[in-house]
Amino acid sequence: MNESIEQEASLAITLDGSSYLTSTAKWATFLSILGFIGTGIMVFAGITMMIISPMSKLGSPFGFPLTLLGLLYIVLAVLYFFPAYYLYNFARKSKVALYNNDQEELDESLMNLKKTFKFLGIMTIVLVSAYIIMIPAIFIFSFAKGMVH
């Protein structure tokens, strides 16, 4: 038996809710545009480091080539792009949904908001895990280096 079960809407957007969503969409647009600008700056900085690296005799202050640092900037820019993109889609679709009273568009906007937070949550878990691994490693390597001299 493959009977489809239709769900009736059990929530409604009140005037206050609509106002809050409109305001949130405006802030989301602002933050996503800043995210796109930040992404562009990171890509530009990464490419600049990669171009300058062969010409520079200074090298990186971190002990590895500027080319690698430039590549890292580009990788981070790609990662930074996705939450900005999802947030922008949330804002755009929310505005359209409220203007046209379109439930499907509202659902898609909320899906993009979920994607934003899911991506940021996963990145936070990855970064915290990296810190948990890196901090003891730094102490161990620093201690070991001190023991050699």
N, C-alpha and C. Protein backbone atom coordinates (compact mmCIF):
# COMPACT_ATOMS: atom_id res chain seq x y z
N MET A 1 0.83 -1.19 0.00
CA MET A 1 0.00 0.00 0.00
C MET A 1 0.87 1.25 0.00
N ASN A 2 0.81 1.97 -1.06
CA ASN A 2 1.56 3.21 -1.16
C ASN A 2 0.61 4.39 -1.14
N GLU A 3 0.09 4.64 0.01
CA GLU A 3 -0.81 5.78 0.14
C GLU A 3 0.00 7.00 0.56
N SER A 4 -0.23 8.09 -0.13
CA SER A 4 0.47 9.32 0.26
C SER A 4 -0.32 10.02 1.36
N ILE A 5 0.42 10.44 2.33
CA ILE A 5 -0.19 11.13 3.45
C ILE A 5 0.13 12.61 3.32
N GLU A 6 -0.89 13.40 3.20
CA GLU A 6 -0.68 14.83 3.10
C GLU A 6 -0.65 15.44 4.49
N GLN A 7 0.31 16.31 4.68
CA GLN A 7 0.41 17.00 5.95
C GLN A 7 -0.20 18.39 5.79
N GLU A 8 -1.00 18.72 6.74
CA GLU A 8 -1.57 20.06 6.70
C GLU A 8 -0.65 21.00 7.46
N ALA A 9 -0.62 22.22 7.00
CA ALA A 9 0.23 23.21 7.65
C ALA A 9 -0.27 23.46 9.06
N SER A 10 0.65 23.37 9.99
CA SER A 10 0.26 23.59 11.37
C SER A 10 0.87 24.88 11.92
N LEU A 11 1.65 25.55 11.09
CA LEU A 11 2.26 26.81 11.50
C LEU A 11 1.83 27.91 10.54
N ALA A 12 1.85 29.11 11.05
CA ALA A 12 1.53 30.27 10.21
C ALA A 12 2.52 31.37 10.56
N ILE A 13 2.78 32.22 9.62
CA ILE A 13 3.64 33.36 9.87
C ILE A 13 2.75 34.55 10.21
N THR A 14 2.91 35.01 11.42
CA THR A 14 2.13 36.17 11.88
C THR A 14 2.78 37.44 11.33
N LEU A 15 2.13 38.58 11.56
CA LEU A 15 2.71 39.85 11.14
C LEU A 15 4.04 40.09 11.84
N ASP A 16 4.12 39.76 13.13
CA ASP A 16 5.39 39.90 13.86
C ASP A 16 6.45 38.97 13.26
N GLY A 17 6.07 37.72 13.01
CA GLY A 17 7.00 36.75 12.43
C GLY A 17 7.49 37.21 11.07
N SER A 18 6.59 37.75 10.27
CA SER A 18 6.95 38.26 8.95
C SER A 18 7.93 39.43 9.08
N SER A 19 7.69 40.29 10.05
CA SER A 19 8.58 41.42 10.29
C SER A 19 9.97 40.94 10.72
N TYR A 20 10.00 39.95 11.62
CA TYR A 20 11.28 39.40 12.06
C TYR A 20 12.03 38.74 10.90
N LEU A 21 11.31 38.01 10.07
CA LEU A 21 11.93 37.34 8.93
C LEU A 21 12.45 38.35 7.91
N THR A 22 11.70 39.42 7.69
CA THR A 22 12.14 40.48 6.77
C THR A 22 13.42 41.12 7.29
N SER A 23 13.46 41.43 8.57
CA SER A 23 14.65 42.03 9.17
C SER A 23 15.83 41.06 9.11
N THR A 24 15.58 39.80 9.41
CA THR A 24 16.63 38.78 9.35
C THR A 24 17.18 38.65 7.94
N ALA A 25 16.29 38.69 6.96
CA ALA A 25 16.72 38.58 5.56
C ALA A 25 17.61 39.75 5.17
N LYS A 26 17.30 40.94 5.67
CA LYS A 26 18.13 42.11 5.35
C LYS A 26 19.53 41.94 5.95
N TRP A 27 19.60 41.51 7.20
CA TRP A 27 20.90 41.28 7.84
C TRP A 27 21.65 40.14 7.16
N ALA A 28 20.92 39.11 6.75
CA ALA A 28 21.55 37.99 6.06
C ALA A 28 22.13 38.44 4.72
N THR A 29 21.43 39.32 4.03
CA THR A 29 21.96 39.87 2.77
C THR A 29 23.25 40.63 3.03
N PHE A 30 23.24 41.48 4.04
CA PHE A 30 24.42 42.26 4.40
C PHE A 30 25.60 41.35 4.73
N LEU A 31 25.36 40.37 5.60
CA LEU A 31 26.44 39.47 6.01
C LEU A 31 26.94 38.60 4.86
N SER A 32 26.04 38.17 3.99
CA SER A 32 26.46 37.33 2.87
C SER A 32 27.29 38.14 1.87
N ILE A 33 26.93 39.39 1.65
CA ILE A 33 27.72 40.23 0.76
C ILE A 33 29.11 40.45 1.35
N LEU A 34 29.19 40.69 2.66
CA LEU A 34 30.49 40.80 3.31
C LEU A 34 31.27 39.49 3.15
N GLY A 35 30.57 38.37 3.23
CA GLY A 35 31.21 37.07 3.03
C GLY A 35 31.78 36.93 1.63
N PHE A 36 31.02 37.38 0.62
CA PHE A 36 31.51 37.33 -0.76
C PHE A 36 32.73 38.24 -0.94
N ILE A 37 32.67 39.43 -0.33
CA ILE A 37 33.81 40.35 -0.42
C ILE A 37 35.03 39.73 0.26
N GLY A 38 34.82 39.15 1.45
CA GLY A 38 35.92 38.49 2.16
C GLY A 38 36.50 37.34 1.35
N THR A 39 35.64 36.58 0.71
CA THR A 39 36.09 35.48 -0.15
C THR A 39 36.95 36.01 -1.29
N GLY A 40 36.49 37.08 -1.92
CA GLY A 40 37.25 37.69 -3.02
C GLY A 40 38.60 38.19 -2.56
N ILE A 41 38.64 38.82 -1.40
CA ILE A 41 39.91 39.33 -0.86
C ILE A 41 40.85 38.17 -0.56
N MET A 42 40.32 37.09 -0.01
CA MET A 42 41.16 35.93 0.30
C MET A 42 41.73 35.29 -0.97
N VAL A 43 40.91 35.19 -2.01
CA VAL A 43 41.40 34.63 -3.28
C VAL A 43 42.47 35.55 -3.87
N PHE A 44 42.21 36.85 -3.85
CA PHE A 44 43.19 37.81 -4.37
C PHE A 44 44.50 37.72 -3.58
N ALA A 45 44.40 37.66 -2.25
CA ALA A 45 45.61 37.55 -1.42
C ALA A 45 46.35 36.25 -1.71
N GLY A 46 45.61 35.16 -1.86
CA GLY A 46 46.23 33.87 -2.16
C GLY A 46 46.96 33.87 -3.49
N ILE A 47 46.31 34.40 -4.51
CA ILE A 47 46.93 34.46 -5.84
C ILE A 47 48.15 35.38 -5.80
N THR A 48 48.02 36.52 -5.10
CA THR A 48 49.14 37.45 -4.99
C THR A 48 50.34 36.77 -4.32
N MET A 49 50.09 36.04 -3.23
CA MET A 49 51.19 35.33 -2.56
C MET A 49 51.83 34.31 -3.47
N MET A 50 51.02 33.63 -4.25
CA MET A 50 51.56 32.60 -5.14
C MET A 50 52.38 33.23 -6.27
N ILE A 51 52.00 34.41 -6.72
CA ILE A 51 52.74 35.10 -7.78
C ILE A 51 54.02 35.70 -7.23
N ILE A 52 53.94 36.31 -6.05
CA ILE A 52 55.09 36.98 -5.45
C ILE A 52 56.12 35.99 -4.92
N SER A 53 55.69 34.84 -4.48
CA SER A 53 56.58 33.87 -3.84
C SER A 53 57.85 33.56 -4.63
N PRO A 54 57.76 33.25 -5.91
CA PRO A 54 59.00 32.95 -6.65
C PRO A 54 59.93 34.16 -6.77
N MET A 55 59.36 35.37 -6.70
CA MET A 55 60.16 36.58 -6.85
C MET A 55 60.76 37.06 -5.53
N SER A 56 60.21 36.58 -4.42
CA SER A 56 60.61 37.07 -3.10
C SER A 56 61.72 36.22 -2.51
N LYS A 57 62.68 36.88 -1.90
CA LYS A 57 63.75 36.15 -1.21
C LYS A 57 63.45 36.08 0.29
N LEU A 58 62.38 36.74 0.71
CA LEU A 58 62.06 36.79 2.13
C LEU A 58 61.45 35.49 2.63
N GLY A 59 60.57 34.87 1.86
CA GLY A 59 59.89 33.67 2.32
C GLY A 59 58.78 34.02 3.29
N SER A 60 58.17 33.00 3.82
CA SER A 60 57.06 33.18 4.73
C SER A 60 57.56 33.30 6.17
N PRO A 61 56.90 34.12 6.97
CA PRO A 61 57.29 34.20 8.38
C PRO A 61 56.93 32.92 9.15
N PHE A 62 56.14 32.05 8.55
CA PHE A 62 55.72 30.82 9.21
C PHE A 62 56.63 29.64 8.91
N GLY A 63 57.64 29.85 8.10
CA GLY A 63 58.60 28.79 7.84
C GLY A 63 58.27 27.91 6.66
N PHE A 64 57.25 28.21 5.90
CA PHE A 64 56.98 27.46 4.68
C PHE A 64 56.71 28.44 3.55
N PRO A 65 56.86 28.00 2.31
CA PRO A 65 56.80 28.92 1.16
C PRO A 65 55.49 29.69 1.08
N LEU A 66 55.60 30.91 0.57
CA LEU A 66 54.41 31.75 0.36
C LEU A 66 53.45 31.09 -0.62
N THR A 67 53.95 30.27 -1.51
CA THR A 67 53.08 29.57 -2.46
C THR A 67 52.10 28.68 -1.71
N LEU A 68 52.59 27.96 -0.72
CA LEU A 68 51.72 27.11 0.08
C LEU A 68 50.72 27.94 0.88
N LEU A 69 51.18 29.04 1.44
CA LEU A 69 50.29 29.93 2.19
C LEU A 69 49.21 30.49 1.27
N GLY A 70 49.61 30.87 0.04
CA GLY A 70 48.63 31.36 -0.93
C GLY A 70 47.60 30.31 -1.28
N LEU A 71 48.06 29.08 -1.46
CA LEU A 71 47.14 27.98 -1.75
C LEU A 71 46.19 27.74 -0.58
N LEU A 72 46.71 27.83 0.65
CA LEU A 72 45.86 27.69 1.83
C LEU A 72 44.79 28.77 1.87
N TYR A 73 45.15 30.01 1.52
CA TYR A 73 44.18 31.10 1.48
C TYR A 73 43.07 30.80 0.47
N ILE A 74 43.44 30.26 -0.67
CA ILE A 74 42.44 29.95 -1.70
C ILE A 74 41.51 28.83 -1.23
N VAL A 75 42.06 27.81 -0.59
CA VAL A 75 41.24 26.72 -0.05
C VAL A 75 40.28 27.26 1.02
N LEU A 76 40.78 28.11 1.91
CA LEU A 76 39.93 28.69 2.94
C LEU A 76 38.85 29.59 2.32
N ALA A 77 39.20 30.29 1.24
CA ALA A 77 38.21 31.13 0.56
C ALA A 77 37.08 30.29 -0.02
N VAL A 78 37.43 29.15 -0.59
CA VAL A 78 36.41 28.24 -1.13
C VAL A 78 35.49 27.78 0.00
N LEU A 79 36.07 27.41 1.14
CA LEU A 79 35.26 26.99 2.28
C LEU A 79 34.40 28.13 2.80
N TYR A 80 34.94 29.34 2.81
CA TYR A 80 34.23 30.52 3.31
C TYR A 80 33.08 30.92 2.37
N PHE A 81 33.20 30.56 1.09
CA PHE A 81 32.19 30.93 0.10
C PHE A 81 30.84 30.26 0.38
N PHE A 82 30.85 28.99 0.78
CA PHE A 82 29.60 28.24 0.90
C PHE A 82 28.63 28.80 1.92
N PRO A 83 29.05 29.09 3.16
CA PRO A 83 28.06 29.67 4.07
C PRO A 83 27.54 31.02 3.60
N ALA A 84 28.39 31.81 2.94
CA ALA A 84 27.95 33.10 2.41
C ALA A 84 26.90 32.88 1.32
N TYR A 85 27.14 31.89 0.47
CA TYR A 85 26.22 31.57 -0.61
C TYR A 85 24.87 31.08 -0.07
N TYR A 86 24.91 30.17 0.90
CA TYR A 86 23.66 29.66 1.49
C TYR A 86 22.91 30.78 2.21
N LEU A 87 23.63 31.64 2.89
CA LEU A 87 22.99 32.75 3.60
C LEU A 87 22.35 33.72 2.61
N TYR A 88 23.05 33.97 1.51
CA TYR A 88 22.49 34.84 0.47
C TYR A 88 21.21 34.23 -0.10
N ASN A 89 21.22 32.94 -0.37
CA ASN A 89 20.01 32.27 -0.89
C ASN A 89 18.87 32.33 0.11
N PHE A 90 19.20 32.15 1.39
CA PHE A 90 18.16 32.28 2.43
C PHE A 90 17.52 33.66 2.36
N ALA A 91 18.35 34.69 2.32
CA ALA A 91 17.83 36.06 2.32
C ALA A 91 16.98 36.34 1.09
N ARG A 92 17.51 35.97 -0.07
CA ARG A 92 16.81 36.24 -1.33
C ARG A 92 15.47 35.51 -1.38
N LYS A 93 15.47 34.23 -1.04
CA LYS A 93 14.25 33.44 -1.10
C LYS A 93 13.24 33.85 -0.02
N SER A 94 13.72 34.29 1.12
CA SER A 94 12.82 34.78 2.18
C SER A 94 12.08 36.02 1.72
N LYS A 95 12.81 36.94 1.10
CA LYS A 95 12.18 38.16 0.61
C LYS A 95 11.12 37.85 -0.44
N VAL A 96 11.46 36.95 -1.37
CA VAL A 96 10.51 36.56 -2.42
C VAL A 96 9.29 35.87 -1.81
N ALA A 97 9.54 34.98 -0.85
CA ALA A 97 8.44 34.24 -0.21
C ALA A 97 7.48 35.19 0.50
N LEU A 98 8.01 36.14 1.21
CA LEU A 98 7.15 37.08 1.94
C LEU A 98 6.42 38.01 0.99
N TYR A 99 7.09 38.45 -0.06
CA TYR A 99 6.48 39.37 -1.02
C TYR A 99 5.35 38.67 -1.78
N ASN A 100 5.57 37.40 -2.18
CA ASN A 100 4.58 36.67 -3.00
C ASN A 100 3.70 35.75 -2.18
N ASN A 101 3.92 35.71 -0.87
CA ASN A 101 3.18 34.79 -0.01
C ASN A 101 3.30 33.36 -0.53
N ASP A 102 4.54 32.94 -0.80
CA ASP A 102 4.85 31.66 -1.45
C ASP A 102 5.47 30.69 -0.44
N GLN A 103 4.71 29.68 -0.07
CA GLN A 103 5.16 28.70 0.92
C GLN A 103 6.37 27.90 0.43
N GLU A 104 6.36 27.51 -0.82
CA GLU A 104 7.47 26.71 -1.36
C GLU A 104 8.79 27.50 -1.32
N GLU A 105 8.70 28.77 -1.65
CA GLU A 105 9.90 29.62 -1.61
C GLU A 105 10.37 29.80 -0.17
N LEU A 106 9.43 29.92 0.76
CA LEU A 106 9.79 30.04 2.17
C LEU A 106 10.48 28.76 2.66
N ASP A 107 9.96 27.62 2.26
CA ASP A 107 10.58 26.34 2.64
C ASP A 107 12.01 26.25 2.10
N GLU A 108 12.21 26.69 0.84
CA GLU A 108 13.55 26.67 0.26
C GLU A 108 14.48 27.64 0.98
N SER A 109 13.94 28.78 1.39
CA SER A 109 14.78 29.75 2.12
C SER A 109 15.22 29.16 3.45
N LEU A 110 14.30 28.50 4.14
CA LEU A 110 14.65 27.89 5.42
C LEU A 110 15.62 26.72 5.24
N MET A 111 15.51 26.00 4.12
CA MET A 111 16.46 24.93 3.82
C MET A 111 17.87 25.52 3.67
N ASN A 112 17.97 26.69 3.03
CA ASN A 112 19.28 27.35 2.88
C ASN A 112 19.81 27.84 4.22
N LEU A 113 18.92 28.28 5.10
CA LEU A 113 19.36 28.67 6.44
C LEU A 113 19.89 27.45 7.19
N LYS A 114 19.21 26.32 7.03
CA LYS A 114 19.68 25.08 7.65
C LYS A 114 21.05 24.69 7.11
N LYS A 115 21.24 24.82 5.79
CA LYS A 115 22.53 24.50 5.17
C LYS A 115 23.63 25.40 5.72
N THR A 116 23.30 26.68 5.93
CA THR A 116 24.28 27.62 6.48
C THR A 116 24.77 27.14 7.83
N PHE A 117 23.82 26.86 8.72
CA PHE A 117 24.19 26.46 10.08
C PHE A 117 24.81 25.08 10.13
N LYS A 118 24.36 24.19 9.27
CA LYS A 118 24.97 22.85 9.22
C LYS A 118 26.43 22.94 8.79
N PHE A 119 26.69 23.73 7.75
CA PHE A 119 28.06 23.90 7.25
C PHE A 119 28.93 24.53 8.33
N LEU A 120 28.43 25.61 8.97
CA LEU A 120 29.20 26.27 10.02
C LEU A 120 29.41 25.35 11.22
N GLY A 121 28.42 24.54 11.54
CA GLY A 121 28.55 23.59 12.64
C GLY A 121 29.62 22.54 12.36
N ILE A 122 29.62 22.00 11.15
CA ILE A 122 30.62 21.00 10.78
C ILE A 122 32.01 21.62 10.77
N MET A 123 32.13 22.83 10.23
CA MET A 123 33.43 23.51 10.22
C MET A 123 33.91 23.79 11.65
N THR A 124 33.00 24.13 12.53
CA THR A 124 33.37 24.37 13.93
C THR A 124 33.89 23.09 14.56
N ILE A 125 33.21 21.97 14.32
CA ILE A 125 33.67 20.68 14.85
C ILE A 125 35.06 20.34 14.31
N VAL A 126 35.27 20.55 13.02
CA VAL A 126 36.57 20.27 12.41
C VAL A 126 37.66 21.15 13.02
N LEU A 127 37.38 22.45 13.18
CA LEU A 127 38.38 23.36 13.73
C LEU A 127 38.68 23.06 15.19
N VAL A 128 37.66 22.80 15.98
CA VAL A 128 37.89 22.46 17.39
C VAL A 128 38.70 21.16 17.49
N SER A 129 38.38 20.19 16.65
CA SER A 129 39.14 18.94 16.63
C SER A 129 40.60 19.20 16.25
N ALA A 130 40.81 20.06 15.26
CA ALA A 130 42.18 20.39 14.85
C ALA A 130 42.93 21.07 15.99
N TYR A 131 42.26 21.97 16.70
CA TYR A 131 42.90 22.63 17.85
C TYR A 131 43.26 21.63 18.93
N ILE A 132 42.35 20.70 19.18
CA ILE A 132 42.60 19.68 20.21
C ILE A 132 43.83 18.85 19.85
N ILE A 133 44.03 18.61 18.56
CA ILE A 133 45.20 17.84 18.11
C ILE A 133 46.44 18.73 18.05
N MET A 134 46.30 19.96 17.57
CA MET A 134 47.46 20.82 17.34
C MET A 134 48.09 21.35 18.63
N ILE A 135 47.29 21.71 19.61
CA ILE A 135 47.85 22.32 20.82
C ILE A 135 48.80 21.37 21.54
N PRO A 136 48.41 20.12 21.82
CA PRO A 136 49.38 19.21 22.44
C PRO A 136 50.58 18.94 21.53
N ALA A 137 50.34 18.86 20.21
CA ALA A 137 51.44 18.60 19.27
C ALA A 137 52.46 19.74 19.32
N ILE A 138 51.99 20.98 19.41
CA ILE A 138 52.89 22.12 19.48
C ILE A 138 53.75 22.04 20.75
N PHE A 139 53.11 21.72 21.87
CA PHE A 139 53.86 21.59 23.12
C PHE A 139 54.88 20.45 23.05
N ILE A 140 54.47 19.33 22.48
CA ILE A 140 55.38 18.17 22.38
C ILE A 140 56.57 18.52 21.49
N PHE A 141 56.31 19.11 20.31
CA PHE A 141 57.41 19.45 19.40
C PHE A 141 58.29 20.54 19.99
N SER A 142 57.69 21.51 20.68
CA SER A 142 58.49 22.55 21.30
C SER A 142 59.38 21.97 22.41
N PHE A 143 58.81 21.08 23.19
CA PHE A 143 59.58 20.45 24.26
C PHE A 143 60.70 19.59 23.69
N ALA A 144 60.36 18.83 22.63
CA ALA A 144 61.37 17.97 22.00
C ALA A 144 62.49 18.79 21.37
N LYS A 145 62.13 19.91 20.77
CA LYS A 145 63.13 20.78 20.14
C LYS A 145 64.03 21.39 21.22
N GLY A 146 63.46 21.72 22.35
CA GLY A 146 64.24 22.26 23.45
C GLY A 146 65.17 21.25 24.05
N MET A 147 64.81 19.99 24.02
CA MET A 147 65.64 18.92 24.57
C MET A 147 66.85 18.64 23.67
N VAL A 148 66.73 18.90 22.37
CA VAL A 148 67.81 18.61 21.43
C VAL A 148 68.94 19.62 21.59
N HIS A 149 68.60 20.87 21.81
CA HIS A 149 69.63 21.92 21.91
C HIS A 149 70.27 21.90 23.22
